[in-house]
Amino acid sequence: MSSHHVRKTPKPVSAPVRATPVVEFPELTCAKFGRPMGVDAPLTASRVRKGDPYYIEFRYRFSYAIISGHMYDVFGRLDANGNPITRQYIGLFPEGGILGLYGGAILPVPAEVHPSVRDCTYKPGAAYRVSLTASQYRALLAKVRAAIAHPPVWQMEASNCNHFAAGLGSVAGLRLPENGLLPSFAYIHAFIRANGDRDTSG
């Protein structure tokens, strides 16, 4: 009497499911513009320490509304190689568009901090990445949370996008440029130099 062996069909090996990285403020991503990670930016300067799990990145981009351009921040988590795996965007904009922008040259005007479609789609003209420890990142999240709840006013000379964006760098002990009235396209480079980092823009 012969024995019959039942041939077992091997079970398909499923690919590991990768968890979607958590973002603390979904409203500050570029998902609503169809680009959750926004745009990449070649770095003008970098201060990333091996092992730091978080970062803040200061960016400058062109603006059709104002010749000085716009400075804003990107922040989130880093992988083991120091590359961003999440991006959340925040920057200070006057409410009311052009009217608010030029009204703020005279008097403080209400402002908002959520990213615009231009932050999420325009290629930055400069970017300065600084890595953060867990405690520094918690301090940054507290500042971001407060800014969302109570956005600062916008005033061209005393409280503009440069001051707001660079000011968040205080969580990492970053210093502001001596000249606070520079246009954004120059302010970001002065900010890099004020902190002793190498500016590759020349």
N, C-alpha and C. Protein backbone atom coordinates (compact mmCIF):
# COMPACT_ATOMS: atom_id res chain seq x y z
N MET A 1 0.86 -1.19 0.00
CA MET A 1 0.00 0.00 0.00
C MET A 1 0.89 1.23 0.00
N SER A 2 0.73 2.09 -1.00
CA SER A 2 1.59 3.28 -1.09
C SER A 2 1.03 4.43 -0.27
N SER A 3 1.94 5.19 0.25
CA SER A 3 1.51 6.37 1.02
C SER A 3 1.47 7.58 0.12
N HIS A 4 0.53 8.44 0.39
CA HIS A 4 0.40 9.67 -0.42
C HIS A 4 0.82 10.87 0.43
N HIS A 5 1.63 11.69 -0.15
CA HIS A 5 2.09 12.90 0.55
C HIS A 5 1.30 14.10 0.05
N VAL A 6 0.73 14.81 0.95
CA VAL A 6 -0.01 16.01 0.58
C VAL A 6 0.96 17.17 0.46
N ARG A 7 0.99 17.76 -0.69
CA ARG A 7 1.90 18.87 -0.93
C ARG A 7 1.27 20.16 -0.41
N LYS A 8 1.93 20.79 0.52
CA LYS A 8 1.41 22.03 1.09
C LYS A 8 1.83 23.23 0.26
N THR A 9 0.87 24.09 -0.01
CA THR A 9 1.17 25.32 -0.74
C THR A 9 1.77 26.34 0.23
N PRO A 10 2.95 26.83 -0.07
CA PRO A 10 3.55 27.79 0.85
C PRO A 10 2.71 29.06 0.96
N LYS A 11 2.66 29.58 2.17
CA LYS A 11 1.90 30.82 2.38
C LYS A 11 2.67 31.99 1.79
N PRO A 12 1.94 32.87 1.10
CA PRO A 12 2.64 34.05 0.55
C PRO A 12 3.22 34.90 1.67
N VAL A 13 4.41 35.41 1.40
CA VAL A 13 5.07 36.27 2.38
C VAL A 13 4.64 37.70 2.12
N SER A 14 3.99 38.27 3.09
CA SER A 14 3.53 39.66 2.91
C SER A 14 4.62 40.63 3.28
N ALA A 15 4.66 41.72 2.55
CA ALA A 15 5.65 42.75 2.83
C ALA A 15 5.33 43.40 4.18
N PRO A 16 6.37 43.77 4.92
CA PRO A 16 6.11 44.41 6.21
C PRO A 16 5.36 45.71 6.04
N VAL A 17 4.40 45.92 6.90
CA VAL A 17 3.60 47.15 6.84
C VAL A 17 4.35 48.26 7.56
N ARG A 18 4.61 49.32 6.87
CA ARG A 18 5.31 50.45 7.46
C ARG A 18 4.31 51.42 8.07
N ALA A 19 4.52 51.72 9.30
CA ALA A 19 3.63 52.65 9.97
C ALA A 19 3.86 54.06 9.42
N THR A 20 2.78 54.79 9.22
CA THR A 20 2.90 56.17 8.78
C THR A 20 3.47 57.00 9.93
N PRO A 21 4.57 57.73 9.67
CA PRO A 21 5.15 58.52 10.75
C PRO A 21 4.13 59.51 11.33
N VAL A 22 4.17 59.64 12.62
CA VAL A 22 3.21 60.51 13.31
C VAL A 22 3.65 61.97 13.17
N VAL A 23 2.69 62.84 12.88
CA VAL A 23 2.95 64.28 12.92
C VAL A 23 2.10 64.87 14.04
N GLU A 24 2.66 65.80 14.75
CA GLU A 24 1.96 66.37 15.90
C GLU A 24 0.87 67.35 15.49
N PHE A 25 1.04 67.99 14.33
CA PHE A 25 0.08 69.01 13.87
C PHE A 25 -0.29 68.72 12.41
N PRO A 26 -1.25 67.83 12.16
CA PRO A 26 -1.62 67.52 10.77
C PRO A 26 -2.00 68.75 9.96
N GLU A 27 -2.54 69.78 10.63
CA GLU A 27 -2.94 71.00 9.92
C GLU A 27 -1.74 71.80 9.42
N LEU A 28 -0.54 71.45 9.89
CA LEU A 28 0.66 72.15 9.44
C LEU A 28 1.43 71.37 8.38
N THR A 29 0.85 70.29 7.86
CA THR A 29 1.50 69.58 6.76
C THR A 29 0.98 70.15 5.43
N CYS A 30 1.55 69.65 4.34
CA CYS A 30 1.11 70.08 3.01
C CYS A 30 0.11 69.11 2.40
N ALA A 31 -0.45 68.22 3.23
CA ALA A 31 -1.39 67.21 2.72
C ALA A 31 -2.58 67.84 2.02
N LYS A 32 -3.05 68.97 2.53
CA LYS A 32 -4.24 69.59 1.93
C LYS A 32 -3.97 70.11 0.53
N PHE A 33 -2.67 70.21 0.17
CA PHE A 33 -2.31 70.64 -1.18
C PHE A 33 -1.84 69.44 -2.02
N GLY A 34 -2.11 68.22 -1.49
CA GLY A 34 -1.76 67.01 -2.22
C GLY A 34 -0.30 66.62 -2.14
N ARG A 35 0.45 67.25 -1.23
CA ARG A 35 1.88 66.94 -1.10
C ARG A 35 2.23 66.86 0.38
N PRO A 36 1.94 65.74 1.04
CA PRO A 36 2.15 65.64 2.49
C PRO A 36 3.55 66.05 2.96
N MET A 37 4.57 65.76 2.14
CA MET A 37 5.94 66.11 2.53
C MET A 37 6.40 67.44 1.92
N GLY A 38 5.52 68.11 1.19
CA GLY A 38 5.92 69.39 0.61
C GLY A 38 7.02 69.22 -0.42
N VAL A 39 8.06 70.05 -0.32
CA VAL A 39 9.15 69.99 -1.29
C VAL A 39 10.49 69.82 -0.58
N ASP A 40 11.41 69.15 -1.27
CA ASP A 40 12.77 69.03 -0.76
C ASP A 40 13.50 70.36 -0.95
N ALA A 41 14.55 70.54 -0.15
CA ALA A 41 15.33 71.77 -0.26
C ALA A 41 16.81 71.45 -0.14
N PRO A 42 17.62 71.78 -1.16
CA PRO A 42 19.07 71.64 -0.99
C PRO A 42 19.50 72.53 0.18
N LEU A 43 20.34 72.00 1.06
CA LEU A 43 20.71 72.74 2.26
C LEU A 43 21.80 73.76 1.98
N THR A 44 21.54 74.98 2.46
CA THR A 44 22.53 76.05 2.40
C THR A 44 23.50 75.91 3.57
N ALA A 45 23.02 75.39 4.68
CA ALA A 45 23.85 75.14 5.86
C ALA A 45 23.17 74.08 6.70
N SER A 46 23.96 73.35 7.47
CA SER A 46 23.40 72.26 8.28
C SER A 46 24.16 72.13 9.60
N ARG A 47 23.39 71.89 10.66
CA ARG A 47 23.96 71.59 11.97
C ARG A 47 23.19 70.39 12.51
N VAL A 48 23.47 69.23 11.95
CA VAL A 48 22.77 68.00 12.33
C VAL A 48 23.74 67.09 13.08
N ARG A 49 23.42 66.80 14.33
CA ARG A 49 24.25 65.92 15.15
C ARG A 49 23.74 64.49 15.04
N LYS A 50 24.67 63.57 14.89
CA LYS A 50 24.31 62.16 14.79
C LYS A 50 23.56 61.72 16.04
N GLY A 51 22.42 61.09 15.84
CA GLY A 51 21.64 60.59 16.95
C GLY A 51 20.48 61.47 17.36
N ASP A 52 20.50 62.75 16.95
CA ASP A 52 19.35 63.61 17.27
C ASP A 52 18.14 63.15 16.46
N PRO A 53 16.99 62.97 17.09
CA PRO A 53 15.83 62.41 16.38
C PRO A 53 14.91 63.43 15.71
N TYR A 54 15.16 64.72 15.94
CA TYR A 54 14.24 65.76 15.44
C TYR A 54 15.03 66.89 14.80
N TYR A 55 14.31 67.80 14.14
CA TYR A 55 14.99 68.93 13.50
C TYR A 55 14.04 70.11 13.34
N ILE A 56 14.66 71.26 13.10
CA ILE A 56 13.95 72.43 12.61
C ILE A 56 14.75 72.94 11.42
N GLU A 57 14.05 73.37 10.38
CA GLU A 57 14.72 73.85 9.17
C GLU A 57 14.17 75.23 8.82
N PHE A 58 15.05 76.19 8.71
CA PHE A 58 14.67 77.56 8.38
C PHE A 58 14.80 77.73 6.87
N ARG A 59 13.73 78.18 6.23
CA ARG A 59 13.73 78.29 4.78
C ARG A 59 13.37 79.70 4.32
N TYR A 60 13.90 80.04 3.15
CA TYR A 60 13.52 81.27 2.45
C TYR A 60 12.98 80.87 1.08
N ARG A 61 11.91 81.56 0.66
CA ARG A 61 11.40 81.36 -0.70
C ARG A 61 11.01 82.69 -1.32
N PHE A 62 10.95 82.67 -2.63
CA PHE A 62 10.49 83.83 -3.40
C PHE A 62 9.02 84.12 -3.10
N SER A 63 8.64 85.38 -3.20
CA SER A 63 7.24 85.77 -3.03
C SER A 63 6.88 86.80 -4.09
N TYR A 64 5.72 86.60 -4.74
CA TYR A 64 5.24 87.59 -5.71
C TYR A 64 4.71 88.83 -5.00
N ALA A 65 4.33 88.67 -3.72
CA ALA A 65 3.69 89.78 -3.01
C ALA A 65 4.68 90.82 -2.51
N ILE A 66 5.90 90.39 -2.18
CA ILE A 66 6.85 91.31 -1.58
C ILE A 66 8.26 90.94 -2.04
N ILE A 67 9.04 91.90 -2.43
CA ILE A 67 10.34 91.65 -3.04
C ILE A 67 11.32 90.98 -2.08
N SER A 68 11.13 91.18 -0.78
CA SER A 68 12.05 90.60 0.20
C SER A 68 11.91 89.09 0.31
N GLY A 69 10.79 88.53 -0.17
CA GLY A 69 10.55 87.10 -0.05
C GLY A 69 9.94 86.74 1.29
N HIS A 70 9.93 85.44 1.59
CA HIS A 70 9.28 84.96 2.81
C HIS A 70 10.16 83.92 3.49
N MET A 71 10.29 84.04 4.81
CA MET A 71 11.04 83.06 5.60
C MET A 71 10.05 82.29 6.48
N TYR A 72 10.24 80.98 6.58
CA TYR A 72 9.32 80.13 7.34
C TYR A 72 10.11 78.93 7.86
N ASP A 73 9.46 78.07 8.63
CA ASP A 73 10.12 76.92 9.22
C ASP A 73 9.47 75.61 8.80
N VAL A 74 10.28 74.58 8.76
CA VAL A 74 9.83 73.20 8.58
C VAL A 74 10.40 72.42 9.76
N PHE A 75 9.64 71.51 10.33
CA PHE A 75 10.15 70.77 11.48
C PHE A 75 9.55 69.37 11.52
N GLY A 76 10.19 68.48 12.25
CA GLY A 76 9.68 67.12 12.36
C GLY A 76 10.73 66.14 12.83
N ARG A 77 10.60 64.90 12.32
CA ARG A 77 11.44 63.79 12.78
C ARG A 77 12.50 63.44 11.75
N LEU A 78 13.64 62.94 12.24
CA LEU A 78 14.74 62.50 11.39
C LEU A 78 14.88 60.98 11.47
N ASP A 79 15.37 60.38 10.38
CA ASP A 79 15.70 58.96 10.44
C ASP A 79 17.12 58.80 11.00
N ALA A 80 17.62 57.57 11.04
CA ALA A 80 18.92 57.30 11.63
C ALA A 80 20.06 57.97 10.88
N ASN A 81 19.82 58.32 9.61
CA ASN A 81 20.85 58.97 8.80
C ASN A 81 20.72 60.49 8.78
N GLY A 82 19.80 61.01 9.59
CA GLY A 82 19.64 62.46 9.66
C GLY A 82 18.79 63.06 8.56
N ASN A 83 17.97 62.23 7.90
CA ASN A 83 17.08 62.72 6.85
C ASN A 83 15.66 62.88 7.37
N PRO A 84 14.95 63.92 6.97
CA PRO A 84 13.58 64.13 7.44
C PRO A 84 12.64 63.01 7.02
N ILE A 85 11.82 62.54 7.95
CA ILE A 85 10.78 61.58 7.61
C ILE A 85 9.39 62.18 7.82
N THR A 86 9.33 63.35 8.44
CA THR A 86 8.08 64.13 8.49
C THR A 86 8.43 65.58 8.27
N ARG A 87 7.47 66.32 7.72
CA ARG A 87 7.65 67.76 7.54
C ARG A 87 6.35 68.46 7.93
N GLN A 88 6.48 69.39 8.85
CA GLN A 88 5.38 70.27 9.23
C GLN A 88 5.87 71.70 9.00
N TYR A 89 4.98 72.54 8.50
CA TYR A 89 5.36 73.89 8.05
C TYR A 89 4.68 74.95 8.91
N ILE A 90 5.43 75.98 9.25
CA ILE A 90 4.84 77.09 10.00
C ILE A 90 5.55 78.38 9.62
N GLY A 91 4.79 79.45 9.49
CA GLY A 91 5.36 80.76 9.17
C GLY A 91 4.35 81.84 9.48
N LEU A 92 4.80 83.03 9.62
CA LEU A 92 3.91 84.14 9.99
C LEU A 92 3.49 84.93 8.75
N PHE A 93 2.18 85.00 8.52
CA PHE A 93 1.61 85.75 7.40
C PHE A 93 0.61 86.77 7.92
N PRO A 94 0.60 87.99 7.40
CA PRO A 94 -0.47 88.92 7.78
C PRO A 94 -1.79 88.49 7.15
N GLU A 95 -2.87 88.61 7.88
CA GLU A 95 -4.18 88.34 7.30
C GLU A 95 -4.54 89.46 6.33
N GLY A 96 -5.34 89.11 5.33
CA GLY A 96 -5.79 90.13 4.39
C GLY A 96 -4.95 90.26 3.15
N GLY A 97 -4.01 89.32 2.94
CA GLY A 97 -3.21 89.35 1.72
C GLY A 97 -2.37 90.61 1.59
N ILE A 98 -2.38 91.18 0.38
CA ILE A 98 -1.56 92.36 0.10
C ILE A 98 -1.95 93.53 1.00
N LEU A 99 -3.25 93.69 1.25
CA LEU A 99 -3.69 94.80 2.09
C LEU A 99 -3.12 94.67 3.50
N GLY A 100 -3.15 93.44 4.03
CA GLY A 100 -2.59 93.22 5.35
C GLY A 100 -1.09 93.40 5.37
N LEU A 101 -0.43 92.97 4.31
CA LEU A 101 1.02 93.09 4.21
C LEU A 101 1.46 94.55 4.29
N TYR A 102 0.84 95.38 3.48
CA TYR A 102 1.27 96.78 3.46
C TYR A 102 0.64 97.59 4.59
N GLY A 103 -0.51 97.13 5.09
CA GLY A 103 -1.07 97.77 6.27
C GLY A 103 -0.16 97.57 7.47
N GLY A 104 0.52 96.40 7.50
CA GLY A 104 1.43 96.09 8.59
C GLY A 104 2.70 96.92 8.57
N ALA A 105 2.90 97.68 7.51
CA ALA A 105 4.04 98.60 7.49
C ALA A 105 3.77 99.80 8.38
N ILE A 106 2.49 100.01 8.72
CA ILE A 106 2.11 101.17 9.53
C ILE A 106 1.70 100.75 10.93
N LEU A 107 0.79 99.76 10.99
CA LEU A 107 0.26 99.31 12.27
C LEU A 107 0.30 97.78 12.35
N PRO A 108 0.41 97.19 13.54
CA PRO A 108 0.33 95.74 13.66
C PRO A 108 -1.02 95.22 13.15
N VAL A 109 -0.99 94.09 12.43
CA VAL A 109 -2.22 93.51 11.90
C VAL A 109 -2.31 92.05 12.35
N PRO A 110 -3.53 91.49 12.43
CA PRO A 110 -3.66 90.08 12.79
C PRO A 110 -2.91 89.20 11.79
N ALA A 111 -2.46 88.05 12.27
CA ALA A 111 -1.67 87.16 11.41
C ALA A 111 -2.11 85.71 11.58
N GLU A 112 -1.61 84.85 10.70
CA GLU A 112 -1.85 83.42 10.78
C GLU A 112 -0.53 82.69 10.58
N VAL A 113 -0.50 81.40 10.98
CA VAL A 113 0.76 80.68 10.95
C VAL A 113 0.72 79.40 10.10
N HIS A 114 -0.44 79.05 9.54
CA HIS A 114 -0.55 77.82 8.77
C HIS A 114 0.17 77.96 7.42
N PRO A 115 0.66 76.86 6.86
CA PRO A 115 1.39 76.95 5.59
C PRO A 115 0.49 77.35 4.43
N SER A 116 1.10 78.03 3.47
CA SER A 116 0.38 78.39 2.24
C SER A 116 0.77 77.39 1.15
N VAL A 117 0.03 77.40 0.07
CA VAL A 117 0.35 76.51 -1.04
C VAL A 117 1.74 76.83 -1.59
N ARG A 118 2.17 78.08 -1.48
CA ARG A 118 3.50 78.45 -1.98
C ARG A 118 4.61 77.85 -1.12
N ASP A 119 4.40 77.80 0.21
CA ASP A 119 5.38 77.15 1.07
C ASP A 119 5.55 75.68 0.67
N CYS A 120 4.44 75.08 0.26
CA CYS A 120 4.42 73.64 -0.03
C CYS A 120 4.85 73.28 -1.43
N THR A 121 4.93 74.25 -2.32
CA THR A 121 5.23 73.93 -3.73
C THR A 121 6.42 74.69 -4.31
N TYR A 122 6.74 75.86 -3.79
CA TYR A 122 7.88 76.61 -4.33
C TYR A 122 9.19 76.01 -3.86
N LYS A 123 10.16 75.92 -4.74
CA LYS A 123 11.49 75.46 -4.34
C LYS A 123 12.16 76.54 -3.50
N PRO A 124 12.60 76.22 -2.29
CA PRO A 124 13.23 77.24 -1.44
C PRO A 124 14.53 77.75 -2.05
N GLY A 125 14.80 79.03 -1.78
CA GLY A 125 16.04 79.63 -2.24
C GLY A 125 17.17 79.41 -1.27
N ALA A 126 16.85 79.03 -0.03
CA ALA A 126 17.87 78.74 0.98
C ALA A 126 17.22 77.90 2.07
N ALA A 127 18.01 77.04 2.71
CA ALA A 127 17.50 76.21 3.80
C ALA A 127 18.62 75.91 4.78
N TYR A 128 18.32 76.04 6.07
CA TYR A 128 19.29 75.86 7.16
C TYR A 128 18.70 74.86 8.14
N ARG A 129 19.26 73.64 8.20
CA ARG A 129 18.70 72.58 9.05
C ARG A 129 19.52 72.45 10.34
N VAL A 130 18.80 72.38 11.46
CA VAL A 130 19.41 72.21 12.78
C VAL A 130 18.71 71.05 13.47
N SER A 131 19.48 70.06 13.91
CA SER A 131 18.86 68.92 14.60
C SER A 131 18.55 69.29 16.04
N LEU A 132 17.59 68.57 16.61
CA LEU A 132 17.10 68.85 17.96
C LEU A 132 17.08 67.59 18.81
N THR A 133 17.35 67.75 20.09
CA THR A 133 17.16 66.66 21.04
C THR A 133 15.67 66.52 21.34
N ALA A 134 15.31 65.47 22.06
CA ALA A 134 13.91 65.27 22.42
C ALA A 134 13.39 66.42 23.27
N SER A 135 14.19 66.91 24.21
CA SER A 135 13.73 68.00 25.08
C SER A 135 13.62 69.31 24.30
N GLN A 136 14.53 69.55 23.37
CA GLN A 136 14.43 70.75 22.53
C GLN A 136 13.19 70.68 21.64
N TYR A 137 12.90 69.49 21.14
CA TYR A 137 11.72 69.34 20.29
C TYR A 137 10.43 69.56 21.07
N ARG A 138 10.40 69.08 22.30
CA ARG A 138 9.21 69.34 23.13
C ARG A 138 9.02 70.83 23.35
N ALA A 139 10.12 71.55 23.54
CA ALA A 139 10.03 73.01 23.70
C ALA A 139 9.52 73.66 22.42
N LEU A 140 9.98 73.16 21.27
CA LEU A 140 9.50 73.69 19.99
C LEU A 140 8.00 73.43 19.83
N LEU A 141 7.56 72.23 20.14
CA LEU A 141 6.13 71.91 20.01
C LEU A 141 5.28 72.82 20.89
N ALA A 142 5.78 73.15 22.06
CA ALA A 142 5.04 74.05 22.95
C ALA A 142 4.91 75.43 22.32
N LYS A 143 5.99 75.91 21.69
CA LYS A 143 5.95 77.22 21.03
C LYS A 143 5.00 77.20 19.83
N VAL A 144 5.04 76.12 19.07
CA VAL A 144 4.16 75.99 17.90
C VAL A 144 2.71 75.95 18.34
N ARG A 145 2.44 75.17 19.37
CA ARG A 145 1.07 75.07 19.89
C ARG A 145 0.54 76.44 20.33
N ALA A 146 1.38 77.20 21.00
CA ALA A 146 0.98 78.54 21.46
C ALA A 146 0.74 79.47 20.27
N ALA A 147 1.57 79.35 19.23
CA ALA A 147 1.41 80.22 18.05
C ALA A 147 0.14 79.90 17.29
N ILE A 148 -0.23 78.62 17.24
CA ILE A 148 -1.49 78.24 16.58
C ILE A 148 -2.67 78.80 17.37
N ALA A 149 -2.60 78.67 18.68
CA ALA A 149 -3.72 79.12 19.53
C ALA A 149 -3.83 80.64 19.55
N HIS A 150 -2.70 81.32 19.55
CA HIS A 150 -2.69 82.79 19.64
C HIS A 150 -1.60 83.33 18.71
N PRO A 151 -1.89 83.41 17.41
CA PRO A 151 -0.86 83.89 16.47
C PRO A 151 -0.38 85.29 16.84
N PRO A 152 0.93 85.52 16.72
CA PRO A 152 1.43 86.88 16.97
C PRO A 152 0.86 87.85 15.94
N VAL A 153 0.87 89.12 16.25
CA VAL A 153 0.51 90.12 15.24
C VAL A 153 1.67 90.23 14.26
N TRP A 154 1.37 90.76 13.08
CA TRP A 154 2.41 90.96 12.05
C TRP A 154 2.63 92.46 11.90
N GLN A 155 3.89 92.85 11.98
CA GLN A 155 4.26 94.24 11.77
C GLN A 155 5.59 94.25 11.04
N MET A 156 5.66 94.99 9.96
CA MET A 156 6.78 94.86 9.03
C MET A 156 8.15 95.01 9.67
N GLU A 157 8.32 95.97 10.58
CA GLU A 157 9.64 96.21 11.14
C GLU A 157 9.89 95.48 12.46
N ALA A 158 8.86 95.22 13.23
CA ALA A 158 9.08 94.69 14.58
C ALA A 158 8.68 93.24 14.76
N SER A 159 7.78 92.72 13.92
CA SER A 159 7.28 91.35 14.12
C SER A 159 6.88 90.76 12.77
N ASN A 160 7.90 90.44 11.97
CA ASN A 160 7.61 89.93 10.64
C ASN A 160 7.96 88.44 10.53
N CYS A 161 7.91 87.90 9.33
CA CYS A 161 8.14 86.46 9.15
C CYS A 161 9.54 86.05 9.58
N ASN A 162 10.53 86.92 9.34
CA ASN A 162 11.91 86.60 9.74
C ASN A 162 12.02 86.43 11.25
N HIS A 163 11.47 87.39 11.98
CA HIS A 163 11.56 87.36 13.44
C HIS A 163 10.87 86.12 14.00
N PHE A 164 9.72 85.79 13.44
CA PHE A 164 8.98 84.62 13.92
C PHE A 164 9.74 83.33 13.63
N ALA A 165 10.17 83.16 12.37
CA ALA A 165 10.83 81.91 11.97
C ALA A 165 12.14 81.71 12.74
N ALA A 166 12.98 82.73 12.76
CA ALA A 166 14.27 82.61 13.45
C ALA A 166 14.06 82.50 14.95
N GLY A 167 13.01 83.14 15.47
CA GLY A 167 12.75 83.11 16.91
C GLY A 167 12.48 81.72 17.44
N LEU A 168 11.91 80.84 16.60
CA LEU A 168 11.66 79.47 17.04
C LEU A 168 12.97 78.72 17.26
N GLY A 169 14.05 79.23 16.69
CA GLY A 169 15.36 78.61 16.89
C GLY A 169 15.91 78.79 18.29
N SER A 170 15.24 79.58 19.11
CA SER A 170 15.69 79.76 20.49
C SER A 170 15.68 78.44 21.26
N VAL A 171 14.87 77.48 20.83
CA VAL A 171 14.83 76.18 21.52
C VAL A 171 16.16 75.45 21.40
N ALA A 172 16.94 75.81 20.37
CA ALA A 172 18.26 75.20 20.18
C ALA A 172 19.38 76.18 20.52
N GLY A 173 19.03 77.31 21.16
CA GLY A 173 20.03 78.28 21.55
C GLY A 173 20.57 79.12 20.40
N LEU A 174 19.84 79.19 19.29
CA LEU A 174 20.31 79.96 18.14
C LEU A 174 20.16 81.45 18.38
N ARG A 175 21.13 82.20 17.85
CA ARG A 175 21.13 83.66 18.01
C ARG A 175 20.55 84.33 16.78
N LEU A 176 19.92 85.48 16.97
CA LEU A 176 19.36 86.25 15.87
C LEU A 176 20.43 87.17 15.29
N PRO A 177 20.33 87.53 14.01
CA PRO A 177 21.26 88.50 13.43
C PRO A 177 21.15 89.85 14.13
N GLU A 178 22.24 90.60 14.13
CA GLU A 178 22.21 91.92 14.76
C GLU A 178 21.26 92.85 14.03
N ASN A 179 21.24 92.76 12.71
CA ASN A 179 20.34 93.60 11.91
C ASN A 179 19.03 92.87 11.69
N GLY A 180 17.99 93.28 12.40
CA GLY A 180 16.70 92.63 12.30
C GLY A 180 15.84 93.14 11.16
N LEU A 181 16.34 94.11 10.39
CA LEU A 181 15.54 94.71 9.33
C LEU A 181 15.92 94.25 7.94
N LEU A 182 16.76 93.22 7.86
CA LEU A 182 17.16 92.72 6.55
C LEU A 182 15.98 92.06 5.84
N PRO A 183 15.93 92.11 4.50
CA PRO A 183 14.91 91.36 3.77
C PRO A 183 15.16 89.85 3.94
N SER A 184 14.14 89.06 3.76
CA SER A 184 14.25 87.62 4.01
C SER A 184 15.39 86.97 3.24
N PHE A 185 15.60 87.37 1.98
CA PHE A 185 16.63 86.73 1.18
C PHE A 185 18.03 86.97 1.73
N ALA A 186 18.20 88.03 2.52
CA ALA A 186 19.49 88.29 3.17
C ALA A 186 19.49 87.86 4.63
N TYR A 187 18.32 87.95 5.28
CA TYR A 187 18.22 87.63 6.70
C TYR A 187 18.62 86.19 6.98
N ILE A 188 18.18 85.24 6.16
CA ILE A 188 18.48 83.85 6.44
C ILE A 188 19.99 83.58 6.42
N HIS A 189 20.71 84.24 5.52
CA HIS A 189 22.16 84.06 5.46
C HIS A 189 22.85 84.73 6.67
N ALA A 190 22.32 85.88 7.08
CA ALA A 190 22.85 86.53 8.28
C ALA A 190 22.59 85.66 9.51
N PHE A 191 21.46 85.01 9.53
CA PHE A 191 21.10 84.11 10.63
C PHE A 191 22.08 82.93 10.71
N ILE A 192 22.38 82.35 9.57
CA ILE A 192 23.35 81.25 9.52
C ILE A 192 24.71 81.70 10.05
N ARG A 193 25.17 82.86 9.56
CA ARG A 193 26.49 83.36 9.99
C ARG A 193 26.49 83.73 11.48
N ALA A 194 25.38 84.27 11.97
CA ALA A 194 25.31 84.66 13.39
C ALA A 194 25.49 83.46 14.30
N ASN A 195 25.22 82.26 13.77
CA ASN A 195 25.33 81.05 14.57
C ASN A 195 26.57 80.23 14.25
N GLY A 196 27.46 80.83 13.47
CA GLY A 196 28.76 80.22 13.23
C GLY A 196 28.75 79.02 12.31
N ASP A 197 27.71 78.88 11.50
CA ASP A 197 27.66 77.74 10.60
C ASP A 197 28.08 78.14 9.19
N ARG A 198 28.52 77.16 8.43
CA ARG A 198 29.05 77.41 7.10
C ARG A 198 27.91 77.62 6.11
N ASP A 199 27.95 78.76 5.47
CA ASP A 199 26.94 79.14 4.48
C ASP A 199 27.51 78.82 3.10
N THR A 200 26.93 77.83 2.41
CA THR A 200 27.47 77.40 1.12
C THR A 200 27.06 78.30 -0.03
N SER A 201 26.30 79.35 0.26
CA SER A 201 25.85 80.24 -0.82
C SER A 201 26.98 81.13 -1.31
N GLY A 202 28.07 81.17 -0.55
CA GLY A 202 29.19 82.02 -0.95
C GLY A 202 29.07 83.39 -0.34
